[in-house]
Amino acid sequence: MRAVSYSQFGGPEVLQVAEAPVPQPGPGQVRVRVAASSLHPVDLMVRSGTFPAPLPTELPYTPGWDVAGSVDATGPGAEQAFAAGDEVIGFSPWLRTTAGAHAEYVVLDASSLTAAPAGVPATEAATLPANGLAAAQALDLLALPAGSSVLVTGAAGQVGGFVLALARAAGLHATGLAGDGDREFVESLGAAFLSRAEEPEGTFDAVVDLAVIGSSLLDLVRDGGGYVAASPPLRPEPVRGIRTVALEVESDGSRLADLVALVGSGDIPLRVAGVYTFAEAAAAHERLARGGVRGGVVLIP
């Protein structure tokens, strides 16, 4: 099969399309024929050699966390969950397995997959798994009752937009901190808009800090409230009884199915900023590195 890979760390120029063995599904696993997969900032960090933690295997790597595609084969025990030809989406826990979805085929645990949203192009569906699960798990960590207030920084980004959508669906009062040009998008998701140039007023029951503003945001959280950091190294020490937690996105096909249902009902919008072929992987990495992306950068075989 063809796969995007790199055998040394460096800039986008290290990426190549190489031949690789077709992976075989083991017990409880499913092989997916990839139709589309998203690119994430962490992919750029790993590729450049700047990821701040050990990785489970040595180079070469095939990147890719999200998959939208069709079931190609099932391992023992997985045939009860999926059959050949089923349209699915899923999330690969790449930092544990380095099973990359920027390939023609990827093998994942059946428990990390769910049926793809009906009538949605694979290029759009591929933007949901990692970012949608990150948003859902951020709000799950906070466990806020309906009517609570939450400030979301980086609200116009992929995860931030999903957090706003899910907050609305959960009956939360969300405020989205973003650039002035993002007001319409933030307000379209039922959130109050707060410009990065403004000083926030009042306090919130919780903050989801996706823009990595840091511990200064704790001043905006009420005593005993909650704070979600974008990753474990960024979690501040708790103060005034504020519970501080950090995102570590986990594969969860059942939770992903909940998100698919919200896509189907129109509660979660899917945004695509650009679609690139495997041969254009370097250009996709360069586009994401430039920043200002409002939607998923998607790779297709």
C-alpha atoms as a PDB file:
ATOM      1  CA  MET A   1       0.000   0.000   0.000  1.00  0.00           C
ATOM      2  CA  ARG A   2       0.971   3.665  -0.346  1.00  0.00           C
ATOM      3  CA  ALA A   3       1.577   5.674   2.810  1.00  0.00           C
ATOM      4  CA  VAL A   4       2.941   9.067   3.795  1.00  0.00           C
ATOM      5  CA  SER A   5       6.068   8.469   5.847  1.00  0.00           C
ATOM      6  CA  TYR A   6       9.345   9.946   6.992  1.00  0.00           C
ATOM      7  CA  SER A   7      12.559   8.293   8.136  1.00  0.00           C
ATOM      8  CA  GLN A   8      14.192  11.354   9.682  1.00  0.00           C
ATOM      9  CA  PHE A   9      12.999  14.379  11.608  1.00  0.00           C
ATOM     10  CA  GLY A  10      12.923  17.725   9.864  1.00  0.00           C
ATOM     11  CA  GLY A  11      10.800  20.062   7.790  1.00  0.00           C
ATOM     12  CA  PRO A  12       7.976  19.121   5.426  1.00  0.00           C
ATOM     13  CA  GLU A  13      10.567  18.075   2.851  1.00  0.00           C
ATOM     14  CA  VAL A  14      11.255  14.839   4.793  1.00  0.00           C
ATOM     15  CA  LEU A  15       7.757  13.577   3.915  1.00  0.00           C
ATOM     16  CA  GLN A  16       7.486  11.040   1.141  1.00  0.00           C
ATOM     17  CA  VAL A  17       4.958   8.615  -0.274  1.00  0.00           C
ATOM     18  CA  ALA A  18       6.357   5.134   0.214  1.00  0.00           C
ATOM     19  CA  GLU A  19       5.236   1.550  -0.213  1.00  0.00           C
ATOM     20  CA  ALA A  20       4.417  -0.264   3.026  1.00  0.00           C
ATOM     21  CA  PRO A  21       2.976  -3.671   3.906  1.00  0.00           C
ATOM     22  CA  VAL A  22      -0.800  -3.839   4.171  1.00  0.00           C
ATOM     23  CA  PRO A  23      -1.486  -4.214   7.936  1.00  0.00           C
ATOM     24  CA  GLN A  24      -3.353  -7.291   9.128  1.00  0.00           C
ATOM     25  CA  PRO A  25      -6.135  -7.017  11.726  1.00  0.00           C
ATOM     26  CA  GLY A  26      -5.692  -8.989  14.928  1.00  0.00           C
ATOM     27  CA  PRO A  27      -8.326 -10.047  17.463  1.00  0.00           C
ATOM     28  CA  GLY A  28     -10.900  -7.322  17.965  1.00  0.00           C
ATOM     29  CA  GLN A  29      -9.421  -5.189  15.209  1.00  0.00           C
ATOM     30  CA  VAL A  30     -10.659  -3.797  11.920  1.00  0.00           C
ATOM     31  CA  ARG A  31      -8.753  -2.867   8.783  1.00  0.00           C
ATOM     32  CA  VAL A  32     -10.106   0.335   7.236  1.00  0.00           C
ATOM     33  CA  ARG A  33      -9.560   1.412   3.665  1.00  0.00           C
ATOM     34  CA  VAL A  34      -8.802   5.088   4.146  1.00  0.00           C
ATOM     35  CA  ALA A  35     -10.821   7.653   2.197  1.00  0.00           C
ATOM     36  CA  ALA A  36      -9.664  10.721   4.164  1.00  0.00           C
ATOM     37  CA  SER A  37      -7.664  11.652   7.250  1.00  0.00           C
ATOM     38  CA  SER A  38      -6.946  14.938   9.028  1.00  0.00           C
ATOM     39  CA  LEU A  39      -3.666  16.652   9.857  1.00  0.00           C
ATOM     40  CA  HIS A  40      -3.015  18.098  13.324  1.00  0.00           C
ATOM     41  CA  PRO A  41      -0.453  20.425  14.928  1.00  0.00           C
ATOM     42  CA  VAL A  42       0.965  17.494  16.892  1.00  0.00           C
ATOM     43  CA  ASP A  43       1.846  15.836  13.563  1.00  0.00           C
ATOM     44  CA  LEU A  44       4.058  18.821  12.803  1.00  0.00           C
ATOM     45  CA  MET A  45       5.698  18.627  16.231  1.00  0.00           C
ATOM     46  CA  VAL A  46       6.502  14.934  15.893  1.00  0.00           C
ATOM     47  CA  ARG A  47       7.772  15.322  12.337  1.00  0.00           C
ATOM     48  CA  SER A  48      10.066  18.204  13.299  1.00  0.00           C
ATOM     49  CA  GLY A  49      11.495  16.291  16.280  1.00  0.00           C
ATOM     50  CA  THR A  50      10.169  18.781  18.826  1.00  0.00           C
ATOM     51  CA  PHE A  51       7.529  16.608  20.497  1.00  0.00           C
ATOM     52  CA  PRO A  52       8.303  16.853  24.247  1.00  0.00           C
ATOM     53  CA  ALA A  53       7.858  13.196  25.212  1.00  0.00           C
ATOM     54  CA  PRO A  54       9.235   9.782  24.208  1.00  0.00           C
ATOM     55  CA  LEU A  55       7.572   7.990  21.308  1.00  0.00           C
ATOM     56  CA  PRO A  56       6.807   4.255  21.406  1.00  0.00           C
ATOM     57  CA  THR A  57       8.811   3.152  18.357  1.00  0.00           C
ATOM     58  CA  GLU A  58      11.714   4.292  16.234  1.00  0.00           C
ATOM     59  CA  LEU A  59      11.487   5.931  12.811  1.00  0.00           C
ATOM     60  CA  PRO A  60      10.157   5.628  10.153  1.00  0.00           C
ATOM     61  CA  TYR A  61       6.701   6.941  11.000  1.00  0.00           C
ATOM     62  CA  THR A  62       3.428   7.106   9.126  1.00  0.00           C
ATOM     63  CA  PRO A  63       1.387   9.889  10.774  1.00  0.00           C
ATOM     64  CA  GLY A  64      -2.375  10.266  11.012  1.00  0.00           C
ATOM     65  CA  TRP A  65      -4.907  10.092  13.859  1.00  0.00           C
ATOM     66  CA  ASP A  66      -8.297  10.380  12.157  1.00  0.00           C
ATOM     67  CA  VAL A  67      -9.796   8.058   9.615  1.00  0.00           C
ATOM     68  CA  ALA A  68     -12.900   8.126   7.472  1.00  0.00           C
ATOM     69  CA  GLY A  69     -13.288   5.166   5.171  1.00  0.00           C
ATOM     70  CA  SER A  70     -14.767   1.715   4.754  1.00  0.00           C
ATOM     71  CA  VAL A  71     -14.181  -1.588   6.517  1.00  0.00           C
ATOM     72  CA  ASP A  72     -11.889  -3.775   4.421  1.00  0.00           C
ATOM     73  CA  ALA A  73     -11.364  -6.738   6.776  1.00  0.00           C
ATOM     74  CA  THR A  74     -12.097  -7.757  10.358  1.00  0.00           C
ATOM     75  CA  GLY A  75     -10.085  -9.748  12.865  1.00  0.00           C
ATOM     76  CA  PRO A  76     -11.496 -12.453  15.149  1.00  0.00           C
ATOM     77  CA  GLY A  77     -14.255 -11.015  17.343  1.00  0.00           C
ATOM     78  CA  ALA A  78     -14.617  -7.778  15.398  1.00  0.00           C
ATOM     79  CA  GLU A  79     -16.977  -9.240  12.806  1.00  0.00           C
ATOM     80  CA  GLN A  80     -19.836  -8.846  15.301  1.00  0.00           C
ATOM     81  CA  ALA A  81     -19.359  -5.074  15.285  1.00  0.00           C
ATOM     82  CA  PHE A  82     -18.539  -4.341  11.638  1.00  0.00           C
ATOM     83  CA  ALA A  83     -18.745  -5.961   8.231  1.00  0.00           C
ATOM     84  CA  ALA A  84     -16.786  -5.403   5.051  1.00  0.00           C
ATOM     85  CA  GLY A  85     -18.005  -2.306   3.262  1.00  0.00           C
ATOM     86  CA  ASP A  86     -19.332  -0.509   6.349  1.00  0.00           C
ATOM     87  CA  GLU A  87     -18.600   3.220   6.238  1.00  0.00           C
ATOM     88  CA  VAL A  88     -16.811   4.174   9.450  1.00  0.00           C
ATOM     89  CA  ILE A  89     -14.842   6.883  11.183  1.00  0.00           C
ATOM     90  CA  GLY A  90     -12.385   6.471  14.019  1.00  0.00           C
ATOM     91  CA  PHE A  91      -9.451   7.746  16.027  1.00  0.00           C
ATOM     92  CA  SER A  92      -6.025   6.130  16.149  1.00  0.00           C
ATOM     93  CA  PRO A  93      -4.179   6.550  19.482  1.00  0.00           C
ATOM     94  CA  TRP A  94      -1.023   7.326  17.510  1.00  0.00           C
ATOM     95  CA  LEU A  95       1.197   8.272  20.443  1.00  0.00           C
ATOM     96  CA  ARG A  96       0.769   4.756  21.828  1.00  0.00           C
ATOM     97  CA  THR A  97       0.738   2.706  18.633  1.00  0.00           C
ATOM     98  CA  THR A  98       2.113   4.862  15.767  1.00  0.00           C
ATOM     99  CA  ALA A  99      -0.604   3.245  13.616  1.00  0.00           C
ATOM    100  CA  GLY A 100      -0.905   6.090  11.116  1.00  0.00           C
ATOM    101  CA  ALA A 101      -3.973   6.842   9.038  1.00  0.00           C
ATOM    102  CA  HIS A 102      -2.108   8.767   6.327  1.00  0.00           C
ATOM    103  CA  ALA A 103      -2.026   5.511   4.417  1.00  0.00           C
ATOM    104  CA  GLU A 104      -4.293   3.543   2.119  1.00  0.00           C
ATOM    105  CA  TYR A 105      -5.127   1.160   4.991  1.00  0.00           C
ATOM    106  CA  VAL A 106      -4.989   1.393   8.773  1.00  0.00           C
ATOM    107  CA  VAL A 107      -5.818  -1.179  11.450  1.00  0.00           C
ATOM    108  CA  LEU A 108      -7.644   0.007  14.566  1.00  0.00           C
ATOM    109  CA  ASP A 109      -9.442  -1.604  17.481  1.00  0.00           C
ATOM    110  CA  ALA A 110     -13.116  -2.035  16.672  1.00  0.00           C
ATOM    111  CA  SER A 111     -13.913  -0.140  19.891  1.00  0.00           C
ATOM    112  CA  SER A 112     -12.333   3.013  18.447  1.00  0.00           C
ATOM    113  CA  LEU A 113     -14.631   3.071  15.389  1.00  0.00           C
ATOM    114  CA  THR A 114     -18.234   3.990  14.767  1.00  0.00           C
ATOM    115  CA  ALA A 115     -20.549   4.311  11.772  1.00  0.00           C
ATOM    116  CA  ALA A 116     -19.767   7.363   9.667  1.00  0.00           C
ATOM    117  CA  PRO A 117     -22.315  10.194   9.564  1.00  0.00           C
ATOM    118  CA  ALA A 118     -24.792   9.458   6.782  1.00  0.00           C
ATOM    119  CA  GLY A 119     -24.587  11.608   3.694  1.00  0.00           C
ATOM    120  CA  VAL A 120     -21.431  13.421   4.839  1.00  0.00           C
ATOM    121  CA  PRO A 121     -18.399  13.395   2.514  1.00  0.00           C
ATOM    122  CA  ALA A 122     -15.399  11.517   3.902  1.00  0.00           C
ATOM    123  CA  THR A 123     -13.307  14.691   3.741  1.00  0.00           C
ATOM    124  CA  GLU A 124     -15.701  16.330   6.211  1.00  0.00           C
ATOM    125  CA  ALA A 125     -16.240  13.248   8.374  1.00  0.00           C
ATOM    126  CA  ALA A 126     -12.468  12.910   8.827  1.00  0.00           C
ATOM    127  CA  THR A 127     -12.382  16.227  10.715  1.00  0.00           C
ATOM    128  CA  LEU A 128     -14.557  14.876  13.531  1.00  0.00           C
ATOM    129  CA  PRO A 129     -12.796  12.087  15.469  1.00  0.00           C
ATOM    130  CA  ALA A 130      -9.742  13.624  17.180  1.00  0.00           C
ATOM    131  CA  ASN A 131     -11.035  17.159  17.568  1.00  0.00           C
ATOM    132  CA  GLY A 132     -14.581  16.119  18.387  1.00  0.00           C
ATOM    133  CA  LEU A 133     -13.409  13.655  21.015  1.00  0.00           C
ATOM    134  CA  ALA A 134     -11.064  16.285  22.474  1.00  0.00           C
ATOM    135  CA  ALA A 135     -13.956  18.721  22.816  1.00  0.00           C
ATOM    136  CA  ALA A 136     -16.325  16.121  24.266  1.00  0.00           C
ATOM    137  CA  GLN A 137     -13.762  14.832  26.730  1.00  0.00           C
ATOM    138  CA  ALA A 138     -12.907  18.399  27.820  1.00  0.00           C
ATOM    139  CA  LEU A 139     -16.516  18.988  28.785  1.00  0.00           C
ATOM    140  CA  ASP A 140     -16.780  15.494  30.282  1.00  0.00           C
ATOM    141  CA  LEU A 141     -13.829  16.332  32.551  1.00  0.00           C
ATOM    142  CA  LEU A 142     -15.620  19.459  33.775  1.00  0.00           C
ATOM    143  CA  ALA A 143     -18.986  17.690  34.263  1.00  0.00           C
ATOM    144  CA  LEU A 144     -20.831  21.026  34.376  1.00  0.00           C
ATOM    145  CA  PRO A 145     -24.567  21.060  35.040  1.00  0.00           C
ATOM    146  CA  ALA A 146     -26.846  22.762  32.527  1.00  0.00           C
ATOM    147  CA  GLY A 147     -26.882  26.502  32.970  1.00  0.00           C
ATOM    148  CA  SER A 148     -23.211  26.731  33.927  1.00  0.00           C
ATOM    149  CA  SER A 149     -20.918  29.254  32.275  1.00  0.00           C
ATOM    150  CA  VAL A 150     -17.751  28.286  30.426  1.00  0.00           C
ATOM    151  CA  LEU A 151     -15.090  30.395  28.723  1.00  0.00           C
ATOM    152  CA  VAL A 152     -13.446  28.747  25.718  1.00  0.00           C
ATOM    153  CA  THR A 153     -10.178  30.211  24.424  1.00  0.00           C
ATOM    154  CA  GLY A 154      -9.127  29.451  20.870  1.00  0.00           C
ATOM    155  CA  ALA A 155     -12.845  29.226  20.196  1.00  0.00           C
ATOM    156  CA  ALA A 156     -12.614  29.491  16.409  1.00  0.00           C
ATOM    157  CA  GLY A 157     -10.203  26.610  16.042  1.00  0.00           C
ATOM    158  CA  GLN A 158     -11.254  23.059  15.292  1.00  0.00           C
ATOM    159  CA  VAL A 159     -11.473  21.865  18.906  1.00  0.00           C
ATOM    160  CA  GLY A 160     -12.799  25.202  20.121  1.00  0.00           C
ATOM    161  CA  GLY A 161     -15.647  25.177  17.631  1.00  0.00           C
ATOM    162  CA  PHE A 162     -16.644  21.693  18.702  1.00  0.00           C
ATOM    163  CA  VAL A 163     -16.541  22.732  22.380  1.00  0.00           C
ATOM    164  CA  LEU A 164     -18.921  25.622  21.648  1.00  0.00           C
ATOM    165  CA  ALA A 165     -21.276  23.343  19.732  1.00  0.00           C
ATOM    166  CA  LEU A 166     -21.287  20.715  22.458  1.00  0.00           C
ATOM    167  CA  ALA A 167     -21.712  23.341  25.172  1.00  0.00           C
ATOM    168  CA  ARG A 168     -24.828  24.608  23.410  1.00  0.00           C
ATOM    169  CA  ALA A 169     -26.190  21.067  23.090  1.00  0.00           C
ATOM    170  CA  ALA A 170     -25.563  20.525  26.825  1.00  0.00           C
ATOM    171  CA  GLY A 171     -27.370  23.705  27.859  1.00  0.00           C
ATOM    172  CA  LEU A 172     -24.227  25.550  28.941  1.00  0.00           C
ATOM    173  CA  HIS A 173     -23.652  29.281  28.571  1.00  0.00           C
ATOM    174  CA  ALA A 174     -20.450  29.483  26.542  1.00  0.00           C
ATOM    175  CA  THR A 175     -18.277  32.491  25.795  1.00  0.00           C
ATOM    176  CA  GLY A 176     -15.795  32.122  22.938  1.00  0.00           C
ATOM    177  CA  LEU A 177     -12.513  34.038  23.024  1.00  0.00           C
ATOM    178  CA  ALA A 178     -11.234  34.517  19.472  1.00  0.00           C
ATOM    179  CA  GLY A 179     -10.053  37.044  16.887  1.00  0.00           C
ATOM    180  CA  ASP A 180     -12.343  39.853  15.737  1.00  0.00           C
ATOM    181  CA  GLY A 181     -12.885  38.159  12.387  1.00  0.00           C
ATOM    182  CA  ASP A 182     -14.342  35.099  14.129  1.00  0.00           C
ATOM    183  CA  ARG A 183     -17.311  36.818  15.782  1.00  0.00           C
ATOM    184  CA  GLU A 184     -19.880  35.506  13.291  1.00  0.00           C
ATOM    185  CA  PHE A 185     -18.688  31.918  13.648  1.00  0.00           C
ATOM    186  CA  VAL A 186     -18.634  32.020  17.462  1.00  0.00           C
ATOM    187  CA  GLU A 187     -22.086  33.568  17.673  1.00  0.00           C
ATOM    188  CA  SER A 188     -23.453  31.087  15.127  1.00  0.00           C
ATOM    189  CA  LEU A 189     -22.820  28.369  17.703  1.00  0.00           C
ATOM    190  CA  GLY A 190     -24.903  30.148  20.333  1.00  0.00           C
ATOM    191  CA  ALA A 191     -21.928  31.492  22.273  1.00  0.00           C
ATOM    192  CA  ALA A 192     -21.173  35.000  23.418  1.00  0.00           C
ATOM    193  CA  PHE A 193     -18.173  36.474  21.608  1.00  0.00           C
ATOM    194  CA  LEU A 194     -15.152  37.904  23.405  1.00  0.00           C
ATOM    195  CA  SER A 195     -12.391  39.518  21.376  1.00  0.00           C
ATOM    196  CA  ARG A 196      -8.791  38.748  22.223  1.00  0.00           C
ATOM    197  CA  ALA A 197      -8.329  42.523  22.449  1.00  0.00           C
ATOM    198  CA  GLU A 198     -10.907  42.854  25.249  1.00  0.00           C
ATOM    199  CA  GLU A 199     -10.532  42.384  28.974  1.00  0.00           C
ATOM    200  CA  PRO A 200     -12.988  39.733  30.202  1.00  0.00           C
ATOM    201  CA  GLU A 201     -15.439  40.840  32.847  1.00  0.00           C
ATOM    202  CA  GLY A 202     -16.894  38.739  35.619  1.00  0.00           C
ATOM    203  CA  THR A 203     -16.135  35.114  36.380  1.00  0.00           C
ATOM    204  CA  PHE A 204     -16.989  31.767  34.865  1.00  0.00           C
ATOM    205  CA  ASP A 205     -17.782  28.359  36.281  1.00  0.00           C
ATOM    206  CA  ALA A 206     -15.019  26.895  34.108  1.00  0.00           C
ATOM    207  CA  VAL A 207     -12.448  27.621  31.424  1.00  0.00           C
ATOM    208  CA  VAL A 208     -11.318  25.428  28.519  1.00  0.00           C
ATOM    209  CA  ASP A 209      -7.941  26.914  27.568  1.00  0.00           C
ATOM    210  CA  LEU A 210      -7.227  25.773  24.014  1.00  0.00           C
ATOM    211  CA  ALA A 211      -5.236  28.907  23.131  1.00  0.00           C
ATOM    212  CA  VAL A 212      -2.721  28.061  25.893  1.00  0.00           C
ATOM    213  CA  ILE A 213      -3.082  31.411  27.635  1.00  0.00           C
ATOM    214  CA  GLY A 214      -2.188  29.730  30.893  1.00  0.00           C
ATOM    215  CA  SER A 215      -2.615  30.154  34.617  1.00  0.00           C
ATOM    216  CA  SER A 216      -3.668  33.823  34.399  1.00  0.00           C
ATOM    217  CA  LEU A 217      -7.080  32.527  33.338  1.00  0.00           C
ATOM    218  CA  LEU A 218      -7.598  31.082  36.795  1.00  0.00           C
ATOM    219  CA  ASP A 219      -8.421  34.643  37.877  1.00  0.00           C
ATOM    220  CA  LEU A 220     -11.556  34.358  35.731  1.00  0.00           C
ATOM    221  CA  VAL A 221     -12.765  31.124  37.340  1.00  0.00           C
ATOM    222  CA  ARG A 222     -14.977  31.194  40.393  1.00  0.00           C
ATOM    223  CA  ASP A 223     -13.843  29.526  43.608  1.00  0.00           C
ATOM    224  CA  GLY A 224     -14.342  25.785  43.259  1.00  0.00           C
ATOM    225  CA  GLY A 225     -14.708  25.971  39.482  1.00  0.00           C
ATOM    226  CA  GLY A 226     -12.876  24.049  36.772  1.00  0.00           C
ATOM    227  CA  TYR A 227     -10.048  24.578  34.299  1.00  0.00           C
ATOM    228  CA  VAL A 228      -9.057  22.344  31.373  1.00  0.00           C
ATOM    229  CA  ALA A 229      -5.552  22.702  29.927  1.00  0.00           C
ATOM    230  CA  ALA A 230      -4.783  21.692  26.340  1.00  0.00           C
ATOM    231  CA  SER A 231      -2.240  19.056  27.441  1.00  0.00           C
ATOM    232  CA  PRO A 232      -0.833  17.668  30.728  1.00  0.00           C
ATOM    233  CA  PRO A 233       2.398  19.747  30.765  1.00  0.00           C
ATOM    234  CA  LEU A 234       0.259  22.901  30.597  1.00  0.00           C
ATOM    235  CA  ARG A 235      -1.955  22.133  33.609  1.00  0.00           C
ATOM    236  CA  PRO A 236      -1.545  24.822  36.291  1.00  0.00           C
ATOM    237  CA  GLU A 237      -1.563  24.044  39.990  1.00  0.00           C
ATOM    238  CA  PRO A 238      -5.023  24.438  41.523  1.00  0.00           C
ATOM    239  CA  VAL A 239      -5.899  27.502  43.563  1.00  0.00           C
ATOM    240  CA  ARG A 240      -9.046  28.550  45.490  1.00  0.00           C
ATOM    241  CA  GLY A 241     -10.461  25.063  45.156  1.00  0.00           C
ATOM    242  CA  ILE A 242     -10.412  25.219  41.356  1.00  0.00           C
ATOM    243  CA  ARG A 243     -10.044  21.755  39.869  1.00  0.00           C
ATOM    244  CA  THR A 244      -7.425  21.812  37.098  1.00  0.00           C
ATOM    245  CA  VAL A 245      -7.322  18.957  34.601  1.00  0.00           C
ATOM    246  CA  ALA A 246      -5.718  18.360  31.197  1.00  0.00           C
ATOM    247  CA  LEU A 247      -6.790  16.895  27.901  1.00  0.00           C
ATOM    248  CA  GLU A 248      -5.426  13.494  26.883  1.00  0.00           C
ATOM    249  CA  VAL A 249      -7.648  12.381  24.028  1.00  0.00           C
ATOM    250  CA  GLU A 250      -8.677   8.736  24.196  1.00  0.00           C
ATOM    251  CA  SER A 251     -10.185   6.477  21.544  1.00  0.00           C
ATOM    252  CA  ASP A 252     -13.862   5.955  22.267  1.00  0.00           C
ATOM    253  CA  GLY A 253     -16.150   4.641  19.549  1.00  0.00           C
ATOM    254  CA  SER A 254     -19.225   4.996  21.733  1.00  0.00           C
ATOM    255  CA  ARG A 255     -18.544   8.671  22.486  1.00  0.00           C
ATOM    256  CA  LEU A 256     -17.752   9.204  18.829  1.00  0.00           C
ATOM    257  CA  ALA A 257     -21.174   7.760  17.954  1.00  0.00           C
ATOM    258  CA  ASP A 258     -22.755  10.441  20.148  1.00  0.00           C
ATOM    259  CA  LEU A 259     -20.894  13.078  18.136  1.00  0.00           C
ATOM    260  CA  VAL A 260     -22.023  11.540  14.852  1.00  0.00           C
ATOM    261  CA  ALA A 261     -25.618  11.835  16.047  1.00  0.00           C
ATOM    262  CA  LEU A 262     -25.075  15.541  16.740  1.00  0.00           C
ATOM    263  CA  VAL A 263     -23.615  15.978  13.248  1.00  0.00           C
ATOM    264  CA  GLY A 264     -26.746  14.344  11.853  1.00  0.00           C
ATOM    265  CA  SER A 265     -29.029  16.657  13.823  1.00  0.00           C
ATOM    266  CA  GLY A 266     -27.128  19.727  12.690  1.00  0.00           C
ATOM    267  CA  ASP A 267     -25.797  20.560  16.143  1.00  0.00           C
ATOM    268  CA  ILE A 268     -22.128  20.108  15.145  1.00  0.00           C
ATOM    269  CA  PRO A 269     -20.799  21.807  11.999  1.00  0.00           C
ATOM    270  CA  LEU A 270     -17.893  20.210  10.142  1.00  0.00           C
ATOM    271  CA  ARG A 271     -15.362  22.562   8.526  1.00  0.00           C
ATOM    272  CA  VAL A 272     -12.725  21.759   5.907  1.00  0.00           C
ATOM    273  CA  ALA A 273      -9.976  24.296   5.191  1.00  0.00           C
ATOM    274  CA  GLY A 274      -8.272  22.318   2.436  1.00  0.00           C
ATOM    275  CA  VAL A 275      -7.902  18.880   0.876  1.00  0.00           C
ATOM    276  CA  TYR A 276      -4.517  17.511  -0.220  1.00  0.00           C
ATOM    277  CA  THR A 277      -3.431  14.235  -1.779  1.00  0.00           C
ATOM    278  CA  PHE A 278      -0.727  12.093  -0.178  1.00  0.00           C
ATOM    279  CA  ALA A 279       1.675  13.446  -2.802  1.00  0.00           C
ATOM    280  CA  GLU A 280       0.870  16.954  -1.522  1.00  0.00           C
ATOM    281  CA  ALA A 281       1.520  16.109   2.134  1.00  0.00           C
ATOM    282  CA  ALA A 282       4.387  18.608   2.409  1.00  0.00           C
ATOM    283  CA  ALA A 283       2.111  21.392   1.183  1.00  0.00           C
ATOM    284  CA  ALA A 284      -0.534  20.357   3.724  1.00  0.00           C
ATOM    285  CA  HIS A 285       2.029  20.539   6.543  1.00  0.00           C
ATOM    286  CA  GLU A 286       3.176  23.954   5.326  1.00  0.00           C
ATOM    287  CA  ARG A 287      -0.417  25.235   5.219  1.00  0.00           C
ATOM    288  CA  LEU A 288      -1.133  24.116   8.765  1.00  0.00           C
ATOM    289  CA  ALA A 289       2.162  25.578   9.994  1.00  0.00           C
ATOM    290  CA  ARG A 290       1.223  29.021   8.630  1.00  0.00           C
ATOM    291  CA  GLY A 291      -1.676  29.154  11.103  1.00  0.00           C
ATOM    292  CA  GLY A 292      -5.011  30.864  10.817  1.00  0.00           C
ATOM    293  CA  VAL A 293      -6.698  27.668   9.665  1.00  0.00           C
ATOM    294  CA  ARG A 294     -10.458  27.665  10.159  1.00  0.00           C
ATOM    295  CA  GLY A 295     -11.292  24.042   9.493  1.00  0.00           C
ATOM    296  CA  GLY A 296      -9.554  20.729   8.983  1.00  0.00           C
ATOM    297  CA  VAL A 297      -6.571  20.193   6.740  1.00  0.00           C
ATOM    298  CA  VAL A 298      -7.438  16.847   5.149  1.00  0.00           C
ATOM    299  CA  LEU A 299      -5.328  14.266   3.316  1.00  0.00           C
ATOM    300  CA  ILE A 300      -6.728  11.800   0.794  1.00  0.00           C
ATOM    301  CA  PRO A 301      -4.920   8.872  -0.911  1.00  0.00           C
END
